[in-house]
Amino acid sequence: MIELSGGSYGSRSVLASATGVNKGAAHRISYAYNAGDGYREQSALRRNNLSWLSQVKLSDKQQLLLGVLLVDMNYQTPGGLTWKEYAANPRSARPAAGAFPSAVDAKAAILQKNLTTGVTYIHKFNELFSNTTTVYGSYNRIENSAIRNFEKEMNRIMAADPCLHSIRRWRTVIILT
């Protein structure tokens, strides 16, 4: 499946996905692209998302779920305007003020790259008990070239989450006399 769209202020989007099924496994890959020039100066956006999901039946009692999400995002930040600046030109970016550069000169923007991945194993012991164990990780890198500072941040997360489920069935008997 492929979808294309566009709109005002140079907005454009592409969505593409494919699904496949074979012998106890289902897979889906998706790609999304969004971009736009923005209403204001210094407010353009570009975003790429790629995701992959798989569901694999290992046996009648076992199942494996796999997923990956990759995001690359860049959006400019125009900054705030005073009422006087807004009245003069509502589409303008924040101008220089004193020692601080304008949003355009500072190239004020947020750039973010993210990779998130996870694996889930499900084991159904019987009708009453099952176990779900998930292991996942994430890497996130953010750069923020704000008007008065520059921030660079990297985060890494790794975790596991085992969970035992119990289903209890209750029977209600009502005796009318």
N, C-alpha and C. Protein backbone atom coordinates (compact mmCIF):
# COMPACT_ATOMS: atom_id res chain seq x y z
N MET A 1 0.84 -1.17 0.00
CA MET A 1 0.00 0.00 0.00
C MET A 1 0.89 1.24 0.00
N ILE A 2 0.55 2.22 -0.81
CA ILE A 2 1.27 3.49 -0.85
C ILE A 2 0.24 4.62 -0.85
N GLU A 3 0.47 5.59 0.03
CA GLU A 3 -0.39 6.77 0.10
C GLU A 3 0.49 8.00 -0.05
N LEU A 4 0.03 8.94 -0.87
CA LEU A 4 0.72 10.22 -1.05
C LEU A 4 -0.26 11.33 -0.74
N SER A 5 0.21 12.37 -0.07
CA SER A 5 -0.67 13.50 0.20
C SER A 5 0.16 14.78 0.27
N GLY A 6 -0.52 15.88 0.09
CA GLY A 6 0.12 17.18 0.17
C GLY A 6 -0.88 18.20 0.64
N GLY A 7 -0.37 19.34 1.06
CA GLY A 7 -1.27 20.36 1.56
C GLY A 7 -0.61 21.73 1.55
N SER A 8 -1.19 22.60 2.33
CA SER A 8 -0.70 23.97 2.37
C SER A 8 0.66 24.07 3.05
N TYR A 9 1.35 25.16 2.78
CA TYR A 9 2.67 25.45 3.34
C TYR A 9 3.68 24.34 3.05
N GLY A 10 3.55 23.75 1.89
CA GLY A 10 4.50 22.74 1.44
C GLY A 10 4.43 21.41 2.16
N SER A 11 3.32 21.15 2.84
CA SER A 11 3.23 19.86 3.55
C SER A 11 3.07 18.73 2.55
N ARG A 12 3.78 17.65 2.82
CA ARG A 12 3.73 16.47 1.96
C ARG A 12 4.01 15.24 2.81
N SER A 13 3.36 14.15 2.43
CA SER A 13 3.50 12.90 3.18
C SER A 13 3.53 11.72 2.23
N VAL A 14 4.27 10.72 2.62
CA VAL A 14 4.31 9.44 1.92
C VAL A 14 4.17 8.36 2.98
N LEU A 15 3.30 7.42 2.75
CA LEU A 15 3.15 6.27 3.63
C LEU A 15 3.20 5.03 2.75
N ALA A 16 4.09 4.11 3.09
CA ALA A 16 4.21 2.86 2.34
C ALA A 16 4.29 1.73 3.34
N SER A 17 3.56 0.66 3.08
CA SER A 17 3.62 -0.50 3.97
C SER A 17 3.38 -1.77 3.17
N ALA A 18 3.93 -2.83 3.71
CA ALA A 18 3.75 -4.15 3.09
C ALA A 18 3.58 -5.17 4.21
N THR A 19 2.74 -6.15 3.95
CA THR A 19 2.45 -7.20 4.92
C THR A 19 2.66 -8.54 4.24
N GLY A 20 3.24 -9.48 4.98
CA GLY A 20 3.44 -10.82 4.45
C GLY A 20 3.11 -11.86 5.51
N VAL A 21 2.56 -12.96 5.07
CA VAL A 21 2.20 -14.06 5.97
C VAL A 21 2.73 -15.35 5.36
N ASN A 22 3.37 -16.17 6.21
CA ASN A 22 3.81 -17.49 5.74
C ASN A 22 3.95 -18.43 6.92
N LYS A 23 3.47 -19.62 6.82
CA LYS A 23 3.63 -20.73 7.78
C LYS A 23 3.80 -20.27 9.23
N GLY A 24 2.77 -19.71 9.81
CA GLY A 24 2.80 -19.35 11.23
C GLY A 24 3.51 -18.06 11.55
N ALA A 25 3.80 -17.23 10.54
CA ALA A 25 4.48 -15.96 10.79
C ALA A 25 3.80 -14.85 9.98
N ALA A 26 3.72 -13.70 10.60
CA ALA A 26 3.18 -12.52 9.92
C ALA A 26 4.18 -11.38 10.10
N HIS A 27 4.42 -10.63 9.03
CA HIS A 27 5.40 -9.56 9.06
C HIS A 27 4.78 -8.31 8.45
N ARG A 28 5.15 -7.15 8.99
CA ARG A 28 4.69 -5.88 8.43
C ARG A 28 5.83 -4.88 8.51
N ILE A 29 6.11 -4.24 7.40
CA ILE A 29 7.10 -3.17 7.36
C ILE A 29 6.39 -1.91 6.88
N SER A 30 6.69 -0.79 7.52
CA SER A 30 6.05 0.48 7.17
C SER A 30 7.09 1.59 7.11
N TYR A 31 6.88 2.50 6.20
CA TYR A 31 7.72 3.68 6.10
C TYR A 31 6.81 4.90 5.97
N ALA A 32 7.11 5.93 6.74
CA ALA A 32 6.34 7.17 6.65
C ALA A 32 7.30 8.35 6.55
N TYR A 33 7.00 9.25 5.65
CA TYR A 33 7.79 10.46 5.47
C TYR A 33 6.83 11.64 5.54
N ASN A 34 7.16 12.63 6.37
CA ASN A 34 6.37 13.85 6.47
C ASN A 34 7.32 15.03 6.37
N ALA A 35 6.92 16.03 5.64
CA ALA A 35 7.73 17.24 5.54
C ALA A 35 6.80 18.42 5.29
N GLY A 36 7.29 19.59 5.62
CA GLY A 36 6.54 20.81 5.37
C GLY A 36 7.42 22.02 5.58
N ASP A 37 7.03 23.10 4.92
CA ASP A 37 7.80 24.34 5.03
C ASP A 37 7.37 25.16 6.23
N GLY A 38 6.18 24.91 6.75
CA GLY A 38 5.68 25.64 7.91
C GLY A 38 5.08 26.98 7.56
N TYR A 39 4.23 27.47 8.42
CA TYR A 39 3.57 28.76 8.22
C TYR A 39 4.55 29.90 8.47
N ARG A 40 5.39 29.73 9.50
CA ARG A 40 6.33 30.80 9.87
C ARG A 40 7.71 30.52 9.31
N GLU A 41 8.51 31.57 9.22
CA GLU A 41 9.91 31.44 8.87
C GLU A 41 10.58 30.57 9.93
N GLN A 42 11.51 29.72 9.54
CA GLN A 42 12.24 28.85 10.46
C GLN A 42 11.30 27.85 11.15
N SER A 43 10.34 27.29 10.40
CA SER A 43 9.43 26.30 11.01
C SER A 43 9.23 25.07 10.13
N ALA A 44 10.24 24.75 9.33
CA ALA A 44 10.15 23.57 8.45
C ALA A 44 10.27 22.29 9.27
N LEU A 45 9.74 21.20 8.73
CA LEU A 45 9.73 19.90 9.39
C LEU A 45 10.11 18.83 8.39
N ARG A 46 10.88 17.85 8.86
CA ARG A 46 11.17 16.65 8.08
C ARG A 46 11.21 15.47 9.05
N ARG A 47 10.44 14.43 8.75
CA ARG A 47 10.39 13.26 9.64
C ARG A 47 10.33 11.99 8.81
N ASN A 48 11.19 11.02 9.16
CA ASN A 48 11.20 9.69 8.55
C ASN A 48 10.98 8.66 9.63
N ASN A 49 10.05 7.77 9.43
CA ASN A 49 9.77 6.66 10.36
C ASN A 49 9.83 5.35 9.59
N LEU A 50 10.54 4.38 10.13
CA LEU A 50 10.59 3.05 9.54
C LEU A 50 10.28 2.07 10.66
N SER A 51 9.30 1.21 10.46
CA SER A 51 8.97 0.22 11.49
C SER A 51 8.83 -1.16 10.86
N TRP A 52 9.16 -2.14 11.67
CA TRP A 52 9.04 -3.55 11.27
C TRP A 52 8.46 -4.31 12.45
N LEU A 53 7.43 -5.10 12.20
CA LEU A 53 6.79 -5.93 13.22
C LEU A 53 6.66 -7.35 12.68
N SER A 54 6.98 -8.31 13.54
CA SER A 54 6.80 -9.72 13.17
C SER A 54 6.15 -10.46 14.32
N GLN A 55 5.28 -11.39 13.96
CA GLN A 55 4.63 -12.27 14.93
C GLN A 55 4.85 -13.69 14.43
N VAL A 56 5.53 -14.49 15.24
CA VAL A 56 5.90 -15.84 14.83
C VAL A 56 5.30 -16.84 15.81
N LYS A 57 4.54 -17.79 15.28
CA LYS A 57 3.98 -18.86 16.11
C LYS A 57 5.00 -19.99 16.12
N LEU A 58 5.62 -20.21 17.29
CA LEU A 58 6.63 -21.25 17.42
C LEU A 58 5.99 -22.63 17.60
N SER A 59 4.88 -22.66 18.32
CA SER A 59 4.11 -23.88 18.54
C SER A 59 2.71 -23.46 18.98
N ASP A 60 1.87 -24.44 19.32
CA ASP A 60 0.53 -24.10 19.79
C ASP A 60 0.57 -23.34 21.11
N LYS A 61 1.67 -23.44 21.84
CA LYS A 61 1.77 -22.79 23.15
C LYS A 61 2.79 -21.65 23.19
N GLN A 62 3.52 -21.45 22.11
CA GLN A 62 4.58 -20.44 22.13
C GLN A 62 4.45 -19.47 20.96
N GLN A 63 4.73 -18.21 21.28
CA GLN A 63 4.64 -17.16 20.27
C GLN A 63 5.77 -16.15 20.51
N LEU A 64 6.29 -15.59 19.43
CA LEU A 64 7.37 -14.61 19.51
C LEU A 64 6.93 -13.36 18.74
N LEU A 65 7.08 -12.19 19.36
CA LEU A 65 6.78 -10.92 18.73
C LEU A 65 8.07 -10.11 18.65
N LEU A 66 8.35 -9.55 17.49
CA LEU A 66 9.56 -8.76 17.29
C LEU A 66 9.18 -7.42 16.69
N GLY A 67 9.85 -6.36 17.14
CA GLY A 67 9.55 -5.05 16.60
C GLY A 67 10.75 -4.12 16.61
N VAL A 68 10.82 -3.28 15.58
CA VAL A 68 11.88 -2.27 15.47
C VAL A 68 11.23 -0.99 14.97
N LEU A 69 11.60 0.13 15.59
CA LEU A 69 11.14 1.45 15.15
C LEU A 69 12.36 2.35 15.03
N LEU A 70 12.52 2.96 13.87
CA LEU A 70 13.62 3.88 13.61
C LEU A 70 13.01 5.22 13.20
N VAL A 71 13.40 6.29 13.91
CA VAL A 71 12.85 7.62 13.65
C VAL A 71 14.00 8.60 13.44
N ASP A 72 13.88 9.42 12.41
CA ASP A 72 14.82 10.50 12.14
C ASP A 72 13.98 11.75 11.93
N MET A 73 14.11 12.71 12.84
CA MET A 73 13.24 13.88 12.82
C MET A 73 14.07 15.16 12.91
N ASN A 74 13.66 16.17 12.17
CA ASN A 74 14.32 17.46 12.19
C ASN A 74 13.23 18.52 12.04
N TYR A 75 13.04 19.32 13.07
CA TYR A 75 12.09 20.41 12.92
C TYR A 75 12.67 21.70 13.46
N GLN A 76 12.49 22.75 12.67
CA GLN A 76 13.00 24.06 13.04
C GLN A 76 12.06 24.71 14.05
N THR A 77 12.64 25.55 14.91
CA THR A 77 11.84 26.24 15.92
C THR A 77 11.97 27.74 15.71
N PRO A 78 10.86 28.42 15.41
CA PRO A 78 10.92 29.84 15.07
C PRO A 78 11.06 30.77 16.28
N GLY A 79 10.76 30.31 17.46
CA GLY A 79 10.84 31.16 18.64
C GLY A 79 9.62 32.05 18.79
N GLY A 80 9.53 32.69 19.93
CA GLY A 80 8.38 33.53 20.23
C GLY A 80 8.55 34.96 19.71
N LEU A 81 7.43 35.63 19.53
CA LEU A 81 7.41 37.01 19.06
C LEU A 81 6.70 37.88 20.09
N THR A 82 7.11 39.11 20.17
CA THR A 82 6.35 40.07 20.97
C THR A 82 5.11 40.45 20.17
N TRP A 83 4.16 41.11 20.81
CA TRP A 83 2.95 41.52 20.11
C TRP A 83 3.30 42.47 18.96
N LYS A 84 4.23 43.36 19.17
CA LYS A 84 4.64 44.32 18.14
C LYS A 84 5.26 43.59 16.95
N GLU A 85 6.11 42.60 17.22
CA GLU A 85 6.74 41.81 16.15
C GLU A 85 5.68 41.00 15.39
N TYR A 86 4.75 40.43 16.13
CA TYR A 86 3.67 39.65 15.52
C TYR A 86 2.79 40.53 14.64
N ALA A 87 2.45 41.72 15.13
CA ALA A 87 1.60 42.63 14.36
C ALA A 87 2.30 43.05 13.07
N ALA A 88 3.63 43.21 13.12
CA ALA A 88 4.38 43.60 11.92
C ALA A 88 4.45 42.47 10.90
N ASN A 89 4.65 41.23 11.36
CA ASN A 89 4.73 40.07 10.45
C ASN A 89 4.52 38.79 11.26
N PRO A 90 3.31 38.25 11.27
CA PRO A 90 3.04 37.05 12.07
C PRO A 90 3.78 35.80 11.59
N ARG A 91 4.32 35.85 10.39
CA ARG A 91 5.03 34.68 9.85
C ARG A 91 6.53 34.71 10.13
N SER A 92 7.01 35.76 10.75
CA SER A 92 8.46 35.89 10.97
C SER A 92 8.93 35.02 12.13
N ALA A 93 10.21 34.72 12.11
CA ALA A 93 10.85 34.01 13.22
C ALA A 93 11.33 35.05 14.24
N ARG A 94 11.70 34.58 15.40
CA ARG A 94 12.17 35.49 16.44
C ARG A 94 13.39 36.25 15.95
N PRO A 95 13.37 37.58 16.07
CA PRO A 95 14.52 38.37 15.63
C PRO A 95 15.63 38.34 16.68
N ALA A 96 16.81 38.82 16.29
CA ALA A 96 17.92 38.94 17.23
C ALA A 96 17.52 39.94 18.33
N ALA A 97 18.03 39.72 19.52
CA ALA A 97 17.75 40.62 20.65
C ALA A 97 19.01 40.73 21.50
N GLY A 98 19.59 41.89 21.52
CA GLY A 98 20.82 42.09 22.29
C GLY A 98 21.92 41.19 21.77
N ALA A 99 22.53 40.41 22.66
CA ALA A 99 23.62 39.51 22.29
C ALA A 99 23.11 38.20 21.69
N PHE A 100 21.82 37.99 21.73
CA PHE A 100 21.26 36.72 21.25
C PHE A 100 20.92 36.79 19.77
N PRO A 101 21.33 35.78 19.00
CA PRO A 101 21.04 35.79 17.56
C PRO A 101 19.57 35.49 17.29
N SER A 102 19.16 35.77 16.09
CA SER A 102 17.79 35.43 15.69
C SER A 102 17.66 33.91 15.58
N ALA A 103 16.43 33.44 15.50
CA ALA A 103 16.20 32.00 15.35
C ALA A 103 16.82 31.50 14.05
N VAL A 104 16.77 32.31 13.00
CA VAL A 104 17.36 31.92 11.71
C VAL A 104 18.87 31.85 11.82
N ASP A 105 19.50 32.87 12.43
CA ASP A 105 20.96 32.88 12.55
C ASP A 105 21.46 31.76 13.46
N ALA A 106 20.68 31.44 14.49
CA ALA A 106 21.06 30.35 15.40
C ALA A 106 20.75 28.98 14.81
N LYS A 107 20.04 28.99 13.67
CA LYS A 107 19.57 27.73 13.07
C LYS A 107 18.84 26.90 14.12
N ALA A 108 17.95 27.55 14.84
CA ALA A 108 17.21 26.92 15.94
C ALA A 108 16.38 25.75 15.41
N ALA A 109 16.67 24.58 15.92
CA ALA A 109 15.99 23.37 15.46
C ALA A 109 16.20 22.26 16.47
N ILE A 110 15.36 21.27 16.39
CA ILE A 110 15.52 20.05 17.18
C ILE A 110 15.71 18.90 16.21
N LEU A 111 16.82 18.19 16.39
CA LEU A 111 17.11 17.02 15.59
C LEU A 111 17.05 15.81 16.51
N GLN A 112 16.29 14.82 16.16
CA GLN A 112 16.15 13.64 17.01
C GLN A 112 16.26 12.38 16.17
N LYS A 113 17.08 11.47 16.66
CA LYS A 113 17.20 10.13 16.05
C LYS A 113 16.89 9.13 17.16
N ASN A 114 16.06 8.15 16.83
CA ASN A 114 15.64 7.17 17.83
C ASN A 114 15.59 5.79 17.20
N LEU A 115 16.11 4.82 17.93
CA LEU A 115 15.99 3.41 17.55
C LEU A 115 15.43 2.68 18.75
N THR A 116 14.29 2.06 18.58
CA THR A 116 13.66 1.27 19.64
C THR A 116 13.41 -0.12 19.09
N THR A 117 13.76 -1.13 19.86
CA THR A 117 13.56 -2.50 19.42
C THR A 117 13.13 -3.36 20.61
N GLY A 118 12.37 -4.38 20.33
CA GLY A 118 11.91 -5.25 21.40
C GLY A 118 11.55 -6.64 20.91
N VAL A 119 11.63 -7.58 21.84
CA VAL A 119 11.27 -8.96 21.57
C VAL A 119 10.37 -9.42 22.72
N THR A 120 9.25 -10.03 22.40
CA THR A 120 8.34 -10.57 23.41
C THR A 120 8.14 -12.06 23.15
N TYR A 121 8.30 -12.84 24.21
CA TYR A 121 8.08 -14.29 24.14
C TYR A 121 6.85 -14.60 25.00
N ILE A 122 5.88 -15.29 24.42
CA ILE A 122 4.66 -15.66 25.14
C ILE A 122 4.58 -17.18 25.19
N HIS A 123 4.41 -17.72 26.40
CA HIS A 123 4.27 -19.17 26.57
C HIS A 123 2.98 -19.42 27.34
N LYS A 124 2.09 -20.17 26.73
CA LYS A 124 0.82 -20.53 27.37
C LYS A 124 0.99 -21.94 27.93
N PHE A 125 1.05 -22.03 29.26
CA PHE A 125 1.24 -23.33 29.90
C PHE A 125 -0.02 -24.19 29.81
N ASN A 126 -1.15 -23.58 30.10
CA ASN A 126 -2.45 -24.25 30.03
C ASN A 126 -3.52 -23.17 29.96
N GLU A 127 -4.76 -23.53 30.17
CA GLU A 127 -5.85 -22.55 30.08
C GLU A 127 -5.78 -21.49 31.18
N LEU A 128 -5.09 -21.79 32.28
CA LEU A 128 -5.06 -20.87 33.41
C LEU A 128 -3.78 -20.05 33.53
N PHE A 129 -2.66 -20.56 33.04
CA PHE A 129 -1.38 -19.88 33.26
C PHE A 129 -0.65 -19.62 31.94
N SER A 130 -0.09 -18.43 31.86
CA SER A 130 0.78 -18.09 30.73
C SER A 130 1.88 -17.14 31.22
N ASN A 131 2.95 -17.09 30.47
CA ASN A 131 4.06 -16.21 30.79
C ASN A 131 4.36 -15.33 29.59
N THR A 132 4.58 -14.04 29.87
CA THR A 132 4.98 -13.10 28.83
C THR A 132 6.28 -12.45 29.29
N THR A 133 7.32 -12.56 28.49
CA THR A 133 8.60 -11.94 28.82
C THR A 133 9.00 -11.03 27.66
N THR A 134 9.31 -9.79 27.99
CA THR A 134 9.69 -8.81 26.98
C THR A 134 11.07 -8.25 27.30
N VAL A 135 11.90 -8.16 26.28
CA VAL A 135 13.20 -7.51 26.38
C VAL A 135 13.20 -6.41 25.34
N TYR A 136 13.55 -5.21 25.75
CA TYR A 136 13.52 -4.11 24.81
C TYR A 136 14.66 -3.14 25.07
N GLY A 137 14.97 -2.36 24.08
CA GLY A 137 16.03 -1.37 24.20
C GLY A 137 15.71 -0.16 23.35
N SER A 138 16.31 0.96 23.72
CA SER A 138 16.07 2.19 23.00
C SER A 138 17.33 3.05 23.02
N TYR A 139 17.62 3.66 21.90
CA TYR A 139 18.71 4.62 21.78
C TYR A 139 18.10 5.90 21.24
N ASN A 140 18.36 7.02 21.91
CA ASN A 140 17.77 8.28 21.52
C ASN A 140 18.85 9.36 21.52
N ARG A 141 18.95 10.10 20.43
CA ARG A 141 19.91 11.20 20.33
C ARG A 141 19.15 12.46 19.97
N ILE A 142 19.34 13.50 20.78
CA ILE A 142 18.64 14.77 20.56
C ILE A 142 19.67 15.89 20.49
N GLU A 143 19.51 16.75 19.51
CA GLU A 143 20.29 17.99 19.43
C GLU A 143 19.29 19.14 19.35
N ASN A 144 19.48 20.12 20.19
CA ASN A 144 18.59 21.26 20.25
C ASN A 144 19.44 22.53 20.19
N SER A 145 19.47 23.16 19.04
CA SER A 145 20.24 24.40 18.89
C SER A 145 19.33 25.58 19.17
N ALA A 146 18.99 25.74 20.43
CA ALA A 146 18.11 26.83 20.82
C ALA A 146 18.83 28.17 20.66
N ILE A 147 18.11 29.23 20.81
CA ILE A 147 18.64 30.57 20.58
C ILE A 147 19.73 30.92 21.59
N ARG A 148 19.56 30.53 22.85
CA ARG A 148 20.52 30.93 23.88
C ARG A 148 21.45 29.80 24.32
N ASN A 149 21.23 28.60 23.85
CA ASN A 149 22.11 27.49 24.24
C ASN A 149 22.07 26.40 23.17
N PHE A 150 22.97 25.45 23.34
CA PHE A 150 23.00 24.30 22.43
C PHE A 150 23.00 23.06 23.30
N GLU A 151 22.06 22.19 23.09
CA GLU A 151 21.93 20.99 23.92
C GLU A 151 22.14 19.77 23.04
N LYS A 152 22.92 18.83 23.56
CA LYS A 152 23.14 17.56 22.88
C LYS A 152 22.94 16.48 23.94
N GLU A 153 22.10 15.50 23.65
CA GLU A 153 21.76 14.49 24.64
C GLU A 153 21.67 13.13 23.96
N MET A 154 22.21 12.10 24.62
CA MET A 154 22.08 10.74 24.12
C MET A 154 21.59 9.86 25.27
N ASN A 155 20.58 9.05 25.02
CA ASN A 155 20.02 8.16 26.03
C ASN A 155 20.03 6.74 25.51
N ARG A 156 20.40 5.81 26.37
CA ARG A 156 20.32 4.39 26.04
C ARG A 156 19.54 3.70 27.15
N ILE A 157 18.60 2.86 26.76
CA ILE A 157 17.78 2.14 27.73
C ILE A 157 17.74 0.68 27.32
N MET A 158 17.90 -0.20 28.30
CA MET A 158 17.76 -1.64 28.07
C MET A 158 16.98 -2.18 29.25
N ALA A 159 15.97 -3.00 29.00
CA ALA A 159 15.15 -3.50 30.10
C ALA A 159 14.55 -4.85 29.73
N ALA A 160 14.11 -5.55 30.76
CA ALA A 160 13.39 -6.81 30.59
C ALA A 160 12.19 -6.79 31.51
N ASP A 161 11.12 -7.44 31.10
CA ASP A 161 9.88 -7.40 31.86
C ASP A 161 9.19 -8.77 31.80
N PRO A 162 9.50 -9.67 32.75
CA PRO A 162 8.79 -10.95 32.77
C PRO A 162 7.47 -10.81 33.54
N CYS A 163 6.46 -11.52 33.12
CA CYS A 163 5.16 -11.42 33.78
C CYS A 163 4.43 -12.76 33.67
N LEU A 164 3.99 -13.29 34.80
CA LEU A 164 3.22 -14.53 34.84
C LEU A 164 1.75 -14.17 34.99
N HIS A 165 0.93 -14.71 34.10
CA HIS A 165 -0.50 -14.41 34.11
C HIS A 165 -1.28 -15.62 34.61
N SER A 166 -2.30 -15.34 35.38
CA SER A 166 -3.19 -16.40 35.86
C SER A 166 -4.62 -15.97 35.58
N ILE A 167 -5.36 -16.88 34.98
CA ILE A 167 -6.76 -16.61 34.71
C ILE A 167 -7.58 -17.51 35.61
N ARG A 168 -8.45 -16.93 36.33
CA ARG A 168 -9.28 -17.70 37.25
C ARG A 168 -10.72 -17.64 36.77
N ARG A 169 -11.33 -18.76 36.66
CA ARG A 169 -12.72 -18.80 36.21
C ARG A 169 -13.61 -19.11 37.40
N TRP A 170 -14.57 -18.28 37.58
CA TRP A 170 -15.52 -18.44 38.69
C TRP A 170 -16.87 -18.83 38.11
N ARG A 171 -17.50 -19.71 38.83
CA ARG A 171 -18.87 -20.10 38.43
C ARG A 171 -19.82 -19.61 39.50
N THR A 172 -20.85 -19.02 39.05
CA THR A 172 -21.87 -18.51 39.97
C THR A 172 -23.10 -19.38 39.83
N VAL A 173 -23.56 -19.86 40.95
CA VAL A 173 -24.78 -20.67 40.96
C VAL A 173 -25.81 -19.90 41.76
N ILE A 174 -26.93 -19.67 41.15
CA ILE A 174 -28.03 -18.98 41.85
C ILE A 174 -29.14 -19.99 42.04
N ILE A 175 -29.55 -20.13 43.28
CA ILE A 175 -30.65 -21.07 43.59
C ILE A 175 -31.87 -20.23 43.96
N LEU A 176 -32.90 -20.43 43.22
CA LEU A 176 -34.16 -19.72 43.49
C LEU A 176 -35.07 -20.64 44.27
N THR A 177 -35.59 -20.14 45.35
CA THR A 177 -36.53 -20.96 46.15
C THR A 177 -37.88 -20.31 46.22
